[in-house]
Protein backbone atom coordinates (compact mmCIF):
# COMPACT_ATOMS: atom_id res chain seq x y z
CA UNK A 1 105.95 119.58 89.16
CA UNK A 2 103.53 117.00 90.59
CA UNK A 3 105.42 114.22 88.80
CA UNK A 4 108.71 115.37 90.37
CA UNK A 5 107.19 115.38 93.85
CA UNK A 6 105.62 111.96 93.28
CA UNK A 7 108.90 110.52 92.00
CA UNK A 8 110.81 111.97 94.98
CA UNK A 9 108.32 110.62 97.53
CA UNK A 10 108.13 107.23 95.81
CA UNK A 11 111.93 106.91 95.78
CA UNK A 12 112.14 107.88 99.47
CA UNK A 13 109.46 105.35 100.43
CA UNK A 14 111.22 102.64 98.44
CA UNK A 15 114.73 103.46 99.72
CA UNK A 16 113.65 103.68 103.36
CA UNK A 17 111.44 100.58 103.07
CA UNK A 18 108.51 102.48 104.59
CA UNK A 19 106.03 100.10 103.00
CA UNK A 20 106.63 96.43 103.73
CA UNK A 21 107.11 93.83 101.02
CA UNK A 22 103.70 92.35 101.83
CA UNK A 23 101.92 95.58 100.89
CA UNK A 24 100.18 95.48 97.55
CA UNK A 25 98.45 98.12 95.46
CA UNK A 26 100.71 101.02 96.50
CA UNK A 27 103.98 99.61 95.22
CA UNK A 28 105.31 99.08 91.72
CA UNK A 29 104.41 95.76 90.09
CA UNK A 30 102.05 94.81 92.92
CA UNK A 31 98.31 95.14 92.54
CA UNK A 32 95.10 93.87 94.09
CA UNK A 33 95.45 90.87 91.78
CA UNK A 34 98.96 90.02 93.01
CA UNK A 35 97.66 90.30 96.57
CA UNK A 36 94.87 87.85 95.79
CA UNK A 37 97.29 85.42 94.14
CA UNK A 38 99.70 85.57 97.11
CA UNK A 39 96.83 85.02 99.55
CA UNK A 40 95.45 82.12 97.50
CA UNK A 41 98.91 80.54 97.37
CA UNK A 42 99.30 80.69 101.16
CA UNK A 43 95.82 79.31 101.88
CA UNK A 44 96.07 76.45 99.38
CA UNK A 45 99.49 75.55 100.80
CA UNK A 46 98.00 75.32 104.28
CA UNK A 47 95.08 73.25 103.02
CA UNK A 48 97.48 70.89 101.22
CA UNK A 49 99.16 70.33 104.60
CA UNK A 50 95.81 69.45 106.16
CA UNK A 51 95.29 72.69 108.07
CA UNK A 52 91.74 73.96 108.32
CA UNK A 53 91.43 77.68 107.70
CA UNK A 54 88.62 80.20 108.02
CA UNK A 55 88.53 83.36 105.95
CA UNK A 56 86.46 86.44 106.72
CA UNK A 57 86.05 89.08 104.03
CA UNK A 58 85.24 92.62 105.10
CA UNK A 59 84.30 95.39 102.70
CA UNK A 60 85.14 98.81 104.09
CA UNK A 61 84.68 100.61 100.78
CA UNK A 62 81.42 102.25 101.87
CA UNK A 63 82.52 102.83 105.48
CA UNK A 64 84.33 106.07 104.68
CA UNK A 65 81.44 107.35 102.58
CA UNK A 66 79.31 107.67 105.71
CA UNK A 67 81.95 109.48 107.79
CA UNK A 68 82.43 113.22 107.48
CA UNK A 69 85.68 113.78 105.60
CA UNK A 70 86.30 116.96 107.59
CA UNK A 71 86.42 114.89 110.78
CA UNK A 72 88.88 112.47 109.19
CA UNK A 73 91.12 115.31 108.00
CA UNK A 74 91.22 116.83 111.49
CA UNK A 75 92.17 113.47 113.04
C-alpha cells in the first residue's frame, strides 16, 4: 500500500512539475553528487570567464537536532 501511495505522489509531483529541475536528491536520477557536479560546472565556467566567486558552505544537519520536533510539527 505504501508503494502505491508513493508512486501516486511521485507521479503527481513529476506531472505537475512541483519540484523544479534544479532540485536534486528528491527526484529520480538526481542525487547529492549530481548537485555537486552541476555546481562545480557552473563555478568553473564562471572562473574560466574571469569572474571571481565566493562560496559559503553551511551545514544545517545538526540544526534540527536541537529543535523540538513537536514544535516543528505544529508549525
